[in-house]
Amino acid sequence: MRRDRIAAIVGIAESDIGVTPDKTVLQLQAQAAVRALTDAGLHTRDVQALFCAGAWTTWTNLMLAEYLGIQPIYTDSTNIGGSSFEAHIGHAVAGIQAGLFEVALIVYGSTQRSQRLRGKVPGEVGLTEQYEAPFGLPVPVGAYAMAAMRHMYEYGTRSEQLAEVAVAARQWAMQNPRAFARDPLSVEDVLASRMICEPLHLYDCCLVTDGGGAIVVTSERVARQCRHKPIWVLGHAETHTHHTLLSMPDVTSTGAAVTGPRAMAMAGIRHDDVDVAEIYDSFTITVIVTLEALGFCHQGEGGAFVSGGRIAPGGSFPMNTNGGGLSYCHPGMYGIFLLIEAALQLRGDAGMRQVPNAQIALVHGTGVQLSSSATVVLGRD
């Protein structure tokens, strides 16, 4: 197993999450950023590279850097949806490896719940989006519902199997005091919840919350001087296959089929080496098609793979251990929280939900309408 030590995660933190009507999106991001830098034993003056993504303003990095009092020598506002932050990890590693900087700060925040932004109908729709939105396709849930329906048609996947993803996420959330949704949830509860977009029920869909997160990535030299043992970035890869669902090559498979093998090859690991997985769960179907594309099971077998408690606490495949976007939080773009939870698990600081002796974590982000994919492999010393 090859573990090149080029860059490491040395600081992680989240802002207040849930409902935060007393805070702006900048305040949430600043709260997370300062906490993450403090966690690393660093200061805003140490930050050389700033990575940020979001829909809260046009020029995210300019406004956030101004607010934090940072003048970066490297800046990256790549936005490919929920997988942006996994992509940012790869970009930060490349920058560090090229000698462009040594300390990078990755930040995200959203007040979508307090501002009631989710579900608002956009104004004029043009360019390639004109072929879907005007005809009533609800975005993003409609795209994921079509993927779920096709998966059911092609492979016999059942609603009960989709529900297993939501139930497992809730069981993890019940072990996490910070989780937004912690009430018990059964397969029957999921199937009895109201239909949002057939075949996806209410509990097949992610939460709508406020929240922010931040990650500090540094060179090996700096990492050895920080407060916590470094969490090494061992592998990373990214791609995007389409924008609108109309152009998706195969609605039952994603770009994870490309990024998973590349990231794992870079890390020098196999599937059996993964101790904990953090997989983007915007909807229950997202998890199933992603696990298949990553190669943890064959295409069409995802429904069976997630069943029987395999991905729940005590199962053989610990996944989305904080409760995921389905039960922990989901402030619009969830990818940064996958990375934070993976780092917590590898540090051994996850409390009741800690996976014993976790050494290798695989994180996968998905963005927009199953459009973008980014995979990161993390490991501890």
Protein backbone atom coordinates (compact mmCIF):
# COMPACT_ATOMS: atom_id res chain seq x y z
CA MET A 1 0.00 0.00 0.00
CA ARG A 2 1.56 3.29 -1.10
CA ARG A 3 0.97 6.31 1.13
CA ASP A 4 2.67 9.37 -0.33
CA ARG A 5 2.71 12.14 2.26
CA ILE A 6 2.32 15.30 0.18
CA ALA A 7 -0.51 17.02 2.04
CA ALA A 8 -2.71 16.43 5.04
CA ILE A 9 -5.89 17.63 6.68
CA VAL A 10 -4.79 19.26 9.93
CA GLY A 11 -7.85 21.26 10.96
CA ILE A 12 -11.60 20.62 10.73
CA ALA A 13 -14.65 22.38 12.13
CA GLU A 14 -18.28 23.16 11.58
CA SER A 15 -20.32 26.23 12.34
CA ASP A 16 -23.65 26.15 14.08
CA ILE A 17 -25.97 23.92 12.04
CA GLY A 18 -29.70 23.39 11.76
CA VAL A 19 -31.64 26.64 11.89
CA THR A 20 -29.55 29.80 12.34
CA PRO A 21 -31.75 32.86 11.67
CA ASP A 22 -29.44 35.07 13.76
CA LYS A 23 -26.41 34.49 11.53
CA THR A 24 -25.54 35.45 7.96
CA VAL A 25 -23.84 33.06 5.56
CA LEU A 26 -20.58 34.98 6.08
CA GLN A 27 -20.84 34.63 9.85
CA LEU A 28 -21.35 30.87 9.58
CA GLN A 29 -18.33 30.52 7.30
CA ALA A 30 -16.17 32.70 9.52
CA GLN A 31 -17.23 30.70 12.55
CA ALA A 32 -16.25 27.43 10.86
CA ALA A 33 -13.01 28.86 9.43
CA VAL A 34 -11.74 30.27 12.72
CA ARG A 35 -12.64 27.06 14.52
CA ALA A 36 -10.82 24.94 11.92
CA LEU A 37 -7.70 27.11 12.06
CA THR A 38 -7.76 27.00 15.86
CA ASP A 39 -8.15 23.23 15.66
CA ALA A 40 -4.97 23.14 13.58
CA GLY A 41 -3.10 25.61 15.77
CA LEU A 42 -3.00 28.18 12.97
CA HIS A 43 -4.35 31.70 12.34
CA THR A 44 -5.97 33.53 9.45
CA ARG A 45 -2.60 35.20 8.78
CA ASP A 46 -1.16 31.75 8.00
CA VAL A 47 -3.65 31.07 5.19
CA GLN A 48 -2.06 31.29 1.75
CA ALA A 49 -4.71 29.61 -0.40
CA LEU A 50 -8.48 30.02 -0.16
CA PHE A 51 -11.00 27.58 -1.62
CA CYS A 52 -14.72 28.28 -1.51
CA ALA A 53 -17.91 27.46 -3.39
CA GLY A 54 -21.54 28.40 -3.00
CA ALA A 55 -24.52 30.18 -4.49
CA TRP A 56 -24.75 32.95 -1.90
CA THR A 57 -22.95 35.53 -4.04
CA THR A 58 -21.32 35.78 -7.45
CA TRP A 59 -17.70 36.23 -6.31
CA THR A 60 -17.56 33.98 -3.25
CA ASN A 61 -13.80 34.05 -2.68
CA LEU A 62 -13.51 37.83 -2.93
CA MET A 63 -16.23 38.47 -0.39
CA LEU A 64 -15.17 35.73 2.02
CA ALA A 65 -11.49 36.68 1.93
CA GLU A 66 -12.41 40.30 2.58
CA TYR A 67 -14.62 39.27 5.50
CA LEU A 68 -11.93 37.03 7.02
CA GLY A 69 -9.14 39.55 6.42
CA ILE A 70 -7.22 37.15 4.17
CA GLN A 71 -5.21 38.15 1.11
CA PRO A 72 -4.48 34.78 -0.53
CA ILE A 73 -1.67 34.12 -2.97
CA TYR A 74 -3.77 31.33 -4.51
CA THR A 75 -7.55 31.23 -4.90
CA ASP A 76 -9.99 28.65 -6.25
CA SER A 77 -13.77 29.02 -6.47
CA THR A 78 -14.45 25.85 -8.49
CA ASN A 79 -18.16 25.08 -8.17
CA ILE A 80 -19.37 21.71 -9.48
CA GLY A 81 -22.11 21.31 -6.90
CA GLY A 82 -21.94 19.15 -3.80
CA SER A 83 -18.69 17.49 -4.85
CA SER A 84 -16.84 20.82 -5.05
CA PHE A 85 -15.00 20.35 -1.77
CA GLU A 86 -13.67 16.92 -2.64
CA ALA A 87 -12.39 18.55 -5.83
CA HIS A 88 -10.88 21.36 -3.74
CA ILE A 89 -8.92 18.78 -1.74
CA GLY A 90 -7.35 17.51 -4.95
CA HIS A 91 -6.58 21.03 -6.13
CA ALA A 92 -5.02 21.90 -2.78
CA VAL A 93 -2.79 18.84 -2.92
CA ALA A 94 -1.71 19.73 -6.45
CA GLY A 95 -0.90 23.29 -5.39
CA ILE A 96 1.11 22.13 -2.41
CA GLN A 97 2.94 19.58 -4.52
CA ALA A 98 3.78 22.30 -7.05
CA GLY A 99 5.18 24.50 -4.30
CA LEU A 100 2.60 27.27 -4.82
CA PHE A 101 1.55 27.40 -1.16
CA GLU A 102 1.69 25.40 2.07
CA VAL A 103 -1.50 26.30 3.95
CA ALA A 104 -4.94 26.07 2.32
CA LEU A 105 -8.34 26.85 3.81
CA ILE A 106 -11.48 25.26 2.32
CA VAL A 107 -14.78 26.83 3.43
CA TYR A 108 -18.51 26.48 2.80
CA GLY A 109 -21.67 27.88 4.33
CA SER A 110 -25.37 28.28 3.62
CA THR A 111 -28.47 29.72 5.29
CA GLN A 112 -30.86 28.06 2.87
CA ARG A 113 -33.30 26.94 5.58
CA SER A 114 -33.57 30.26 7.36
CA GLN A 115 -33.88 32.12 4.07
CA ARG A 116 -36.27 29.52 2.60
CA LEU A 117 -34.17 29.25 -0.55
CA ARG A 118 -34.75 25.59 -1.36
CA GLY A 119 -37.47 24.95 -3.88
CA LYS A 120 -37.72 28.51 -5.19
CA VAL A 121 -38.53 28.52 -8.89
CA PRO A 122 -35.76 30.19 -10.91
CA GLY A 123 -36.57 33.06 -13.21
CA GLU A 124 -35.74 32.87 -16.88
CA VAL A 125 -34.36 29.50 -17.90
CA GLY A 126 -32.21 29.35 -20.97
CA LEU A 127 -29.37 27.66 -22.77
CA THR A 128 -29.30 23.89 -22.18
CA GLU A 129 -31.68 24.10 -19.20
CA GLN A 130 -34.54 25.14 -21.50
CA TYR A 131 -35.21 21.52 -22.40
CA GLU A 132 -36.15 20.37 -18.88
CA ALA A 133 -37.28 23.08 -16.45
CA PRO A 134 -40.06 24.61 -18.61
CA PHE A 135 -41.66 21.19 -18.94
CA GLY A 136 -42.06 20.75 -15.20
CA LEU A 137 -39.09 18.66 -14.12
CA PRO A 138 -38.50 19.62 -10.47
CA VAL A 139 -34.79 20.13 -9.87
CA PRO A 140 -32.96 18.41 -8.35
CA VAL A 141 -35.41 15.84 -6.98
CA GLY A 142 -36.96 15.09 -10.37
CA ALA A 143 -33.64 14.04 -11.84
CA TYR A 144 -32.91 11.69 -8.96
CA ALA A 145 -36.43 10.29 -9.10
CA MET A 146 -35.93 9.45 -12.77
CA ALA A 147 -32.65 7.72 -11.93
CA ALA A 148 -34.39 5.74 -9.19
CA MET A 149 -37.27 4.75 -11.46
CA ARG A 150 -34.89 3.60 -14.17
CA HIS A 151 -32.81 1.64 -11.64
CA MET A 152 -35.97 -0.09 -10.46
CA TYR A 153 -36.93 -0.92 -14.04
CA GLU A 154 -33.49 -2.18 -15.06
CA TYR A 155 -32.51 -4.09 -11.92
CA GLY A 156 -35.62 -4.69 -9.84
CA THR A 157 -34.53 -2.35 -7.06
CA ARG A 158 -37.34 -1.85 -4.53
CA SER A 159 -38.51 1.12 -2.49
CA GLU A 160 -37.78 -0.93 0.63
CA GLN A 161 -34.12 -1.07 -0.37
CA LEU A 162 -33.98 2.70 -0.90
CA ALA A 163 -35.55 3.07 2.53
CA GLU A 164 -32.75 1.01 4.09
CA VAL A 165 -30.34 3.84 3.23
CA ALA A 166 -32.46 6.37 5.11
CA VAL A 167 -32.94 4.07 8.09
CA ALA A 168 -29.21 3.36 8.42
CA ALA A 169 -28.43 7.09 8.23
CA ARG A 170 -30.95 7.76 11.01
CA GLN A 171 -29.45 5.04 13.19
CA TRP A 172 -26.04 6.72 12.88
CA ALA A 173 -27.63 10.12 13.59
CA MET A 174 -29.17 8.78 16.78
CA GLN A 175 -25.59 8.31 18.03
CA ASN A 176 -24.67 11.88 17.11
CA PRO A 177 -25.84 14.62 19.50
CA ARG A 178 -25.39 17.29 16.79
CA ALA A 179 -27.60 15.59 14.23
CA PHE A 180 -30.64 17.55 13.07
CA ALA A 181 -32.96 14.52 12.82
CA ARG A 182 -32.62 11.94 15.60
CA ASP A 183 -36.09 10.41 16.02
CA PRO A 184 -36.30 6.65 15.32
CA LEU A 185 -37.07 5.77 11.70
CA SER A 186 -38.13 2.47 10.18
CA VAL A 187 -38.49 1.21 6.63
CA GLU A 188 -42.24 1.37 7.14
CA ASP A 189 -41.97 5.01 8.21
CA VAL A 190 -40.06 5.87 5.05
CA LEU A 191 -42.59 4.14 2.81
CA ALA A 192 -45.49 5.79 4.66
CA SER A 193 -44.04 9.29 4.31
CA ARG A 194 -45.54 11.49 1.62
CA MET A 195 -44.41 11.07 -1.94
CA ILE A 196 -42.20 13.94 -3.10
CA CYS A 197 -41.44 12.80 -6.63
CA GLU A 198 -42.24 9.19 -7.50
CA PRO A 199 -40.66 6.90 -6.40
CA LEU A 200 -38.91 9.08 -3.78
CA HIS A 201 -40.70 9.64 -0.48
CA LEU A 202 -40.02 12.43 1.99
CA TYR A 203 -37.42 10.42 3.91
CA ASP A 204 -35.68 9.42 0.69
CA CYS A 205 -34.71 13.10 0.38
CA CYS A 206 -32.01 15.03 2.19
CA LEU A 207 -32.65 17.55 4.93
CA VAL A 208 -32.84 21.30 4.35
CA THR A 209 -30.69 23.04 6.97
CA ASP A 210 -28.33 25.92 7.56
CA GLY A 211 -24.68 25.30 8.32
CA GLY A 212 -21.06 25.73 7.42
CA GLY A 213 -17.80 23.84 7.51
CA ALA A 214 -14.08 24.41 7.04
CA ILE A 215 -10.99 22.30 6.44
CA VAL A 216 -7.31 23.22 6.70
CA VAL A 217 -4.93 21.39 4.35
CA THR A 218 -1.16 21.83 4.64
CA SER A 219 2.13 20.49 3.39
CA GLU A 220 3.80 17.68 5.30
CA ARG A 221 6.26 20.14 6.81
CA VAL A 222 3.53 22.29 8.34
CA ALA A 223 1.36 19.29 9.22
CA ARG A 224 4.04 17.86 11.50
CA GLN A 225 3.89 21.07 13.55
CA CYS A 226 0.10 21.22 13.99
CA ARG A 227 -1.95 20.22 17.01
CA HIS A 228 -3.38 16.95 15.71
CA LYS A 229 -1.85 13.99 13.96
CA PRO A 230 -2.18 14.60 10.23
CA ILE A 231 -4.86 12.92 8.15
CA TRP A 232 -3.08 12.29 4.86
CA VAL A 233 -4.66 12.80 1.47
CA LEU A 234 -3.66 9.56 -0.24
CA GLY A 235 -5.68 9.75 -3.42
CA HIS A 236 -8.09 12.02 -5.27
CA ALA A 237 -9.88 12.26 -8.61
CA GLU A 238 -12.68 14.29 -10.17
CA THR A 239 -14.87 14.41 -13.27
CA HIS A 240 -18.22 15.61 -14.54
CA THR A 241 -20.26 13.86 -17.18
CA HIS A 242 -23.12 16.26 -17.97
CA HIS A 243 -25.10 19.24 -16.72
CA THR A 244 -28.77 18.46 -17.33
CA LEU A 245 -30.16 14.96 -16.94
CA LEU A 246 -31.07 14.96 -20.62
CA SER A 247 -27.38 14.59 -21.44
CA MET A 248 -26.50 12.02 -18.78
CA PRO A 249 -24.86 9.03 -20.51
CA ASP A 250 -26.55 6.48 -18.23
CA VAL A 251 -28.94 7.53 -15.49
CA THR A 252 -28.07 4.43 -13.47
CA SER A 253 -24.31 5.08 -13.31
CA THR A 254 -22.21 8.11 -12.41
CA GLY A 255 -18.73 9.52 -12.86
CA ALA A 256 -17.75 7.68 -9.69
CA ALA A 257 -16.92 4.80 -12.03
CA VAL A 258 -14.02 6.97 -13.21
CA THR A 259 -13.00 8.79 -10.02
CA GLY A 260 -13.21 5.83 -7.66
CA PRO A 261 -10.66 3.61 -9.42
CA ARG A 262 -8.33 6.55 -10.07
CA ALA A 263 -8.34 7.77 -6.47
CA MET A 264 -7.91 4.26 -5.08
CA ALA A 265 -5.07 3.49 -7.49
CA MET A 266 -3.31 6.71 -6.47
CA ALA A 267 -3.69 5.71 -2.82
CA GLY A 268 -2.59 2.15 -3.51
CA ILE A 269 -5.64 0.61 -1.85
CA ARG A 270 -8.35 -1.90 -2.68
CA HIS A 271 -11.99 -1.91 -1.68
CA ASP A 272 -11.33 -4.21 1.26
CA ASP A 273 -8.88 -1.68 2.72
CA VAL A 274 -11.62 0.91 3.30
CA ASP A 275 -12.60 1.06 6.98
CA VAL A 276 -15.23 3.79 6.72
CA ALA A 277 -17.01 5.38 3.75
CA GLU A 278 -18.65 8.78 3.54
CA ILE A 279 -20.86 8.80 0.43
CA TYR A 280 -22.92 11.78 -0.68
CA ASP A 281 -26.57 11.04 0.14
CA SER A 282 -28.63 13.84 -1.34
CA PHE A 283 -31.22 11.13 -1.95
CA THR A 284 -31.29 7.43 -1.11
CA ILE A 285 -30.80 6.49 -4.76
CA THR A 286 -27.60 8.59 -4.83
CA VAL A 287 -25.96 6.17 -2.41
CA ILE A 288 -27.00 3.06 -4.30
CA VAL A 289 -25.79 4.18 -7.73
CA THR A 290 -22.59 5.60 -6.23
CA LEU A 291 -21.65 2.42 -4.39
CA GLU A 292 -22.15 0.50 -7.62
CA ALA A 293 -20.10 2.94 -9.67
CA LEU A 294 -17.30 2.94 -7.10
CA GLY A 295 -17.13 -0.84 -7.41
CA PHE A 296 -18.18 -1.89 -3.93
CA CYS A 297 -20.81 -4.02 -5.66
CA HIS A 298 -21.80 -4.76 -9.25
CA GLN A 299 -24.19 -2.49 -11.13
CA GLY A 300 -27.75 -3.38 -10.19
CA GLU A 301 -26.72 -4.92 -6.86
CA GLY A 302 -26.71 -1.71 -4.81
CA GLY A 303 -30.16 -2.32 -3.35
CA ALA A 304 -29.11 -5.69 -1.96
CA PHE A 305 -25.75 -4.30 -0.82
CA VAL A 306 -27.29 -1.66 1.48
CA SER A 307 -29.89 -4.03 2.91
CA GLY A 308 -29.84 -6.07 6.10
CA GLY A 309 -28.05 -3.44 8.18
CA ARG A 310 -24.76 -3.65 6.27
CA ILE A 311 -24.31 0.17 6.26
CA ALA A 312 -25.89 0.79 9.68
CA PRO A 313 -24.10 0.89 13.05
CA GLY A 314 -22.69 -2.57 13.73
CA GLY A 315 -22.77 -3.49 10.04
CA SER A 316 -19.83 -4.68 7.99
CA PHE A 317 -19.66 -1.48 5.89
CA PRO A 318 -19.76 1.62 8.12
CA MET A 319 -21.05 4.47 5.99
CA ASN A 320 -22.21 8.06 6.56
CA THR A 321 -21.39 7.72 10.21
CA ASN A 322 -22.59 11.15 11.32
CA GLY A 323 -26.08 10.59 9.87
CA GLY A 324 -25.35 11.96 6.42
CA GLY A 325 -27.32 14.49 4.45
CA LEU A 326 -30.43 12.45 5.14
CA SER A 327 -30.31 12.87 8.93
CA TYR A 328 -27.30 14.94 10.08
CA CYS A 329 -27.53 18.17 8.07
CA HIS A 330 -27.69 19.34 4.47
CA PRO A 331 -27.07 23.05 3.84
CA GLY A 332 -27.35 22.77 0.07
CA MET A 333 -23.87 21.48 -0.77
CA TYR A 334 -22.94 18.68 1.61
CA GLY A 335 -19.51 17.56 0.40
CA ILE A 336 -17.43 19.38 3.00
CA PHE A 337 -19.24 17.57 5.83
CA LEU A 338 -18.29 14.19 4.35
CA LEU A 339 -14.62 15.17 4.62
CA ILE A 340 -14.98 16.51 8.16
CA GLU A 341 -16.64 13.32 9.37
CA ALA A 342 -14.03 11.13 7.65
CA ALA A 343 -11.23 13.08 9.36
CA LEU A 344 -12.98 12.78 12.73
CA GLN A 345 -13.25 9.02 12.28
CA LEU A 346 -9.58 8.68 11.36
CA ARG A 347 -8.59 10.82 14.34
CA GLY A 348 -10.65 8.57 16.60
CA ASP A 349 -12.70 11.55 17.79
CA ALA A 350 -16.18 10.53 16.64
CA GLY A 351 -17.56 9.65 20.07
CA MET A 352 -20.37 7.10 20.26
CA ARG A 353 -20.34 6.56 16.51
CA GLN A 354 -16.60 5.88 16.29
CA VAL A 355 -15.64 3.06 13.92
CA PRO A 356 -13.01 0.98 15.78
CA ASN A 357 -9.45 1.37 14.49
CA ALA A 358 -10.43 3.27 11.35
CA GLN A 359 -7.29 3.82 9.27
CA ILE A 360 -8.55 4.36 5.71
CA ALA A 361 -11.58 6.43 4.71
CA LEU A 362 -13.10 6.84 1.27
CA VAL A 363 -15.07 10.02 0.65
CA HIS A 364 -17.17 10.59 -2.44
CA GLY A 365 -19.04 13.73 -3.43
CA THR A 366 -21.80 14.03 -6.02
CA GLY A 367 -23.03 17.30 -7.46
CA VAL A 368 -26.03 18.79 -9.28
CA GLN A 369 -28.09 16.15 -11.18
CA LEU A 370 -25.68 13.24 -10.65
CA SER A 371 -23.49 15.46 -12.82
CA SER A 372 -20.15 15.75 -11.03
CA SER A 373 -18.13 13.23 -9.07
CA ALA A 374 -15.06 13.57 -6.88
CA THR A 375 -13.42 10.90 -4.73
CA VAL A 376 -10.87 11.35 -1.96
CA VAL A 377 -8.99 8.65 -0.03
CA LEU A 378 -7.73 9.64 3.42
CA GLY A 379 -5.46 7.77 5.81
CA ARG A 380 -3.78 8.22 9.17
CA ASP A 381 -0.21 7.45 10.19
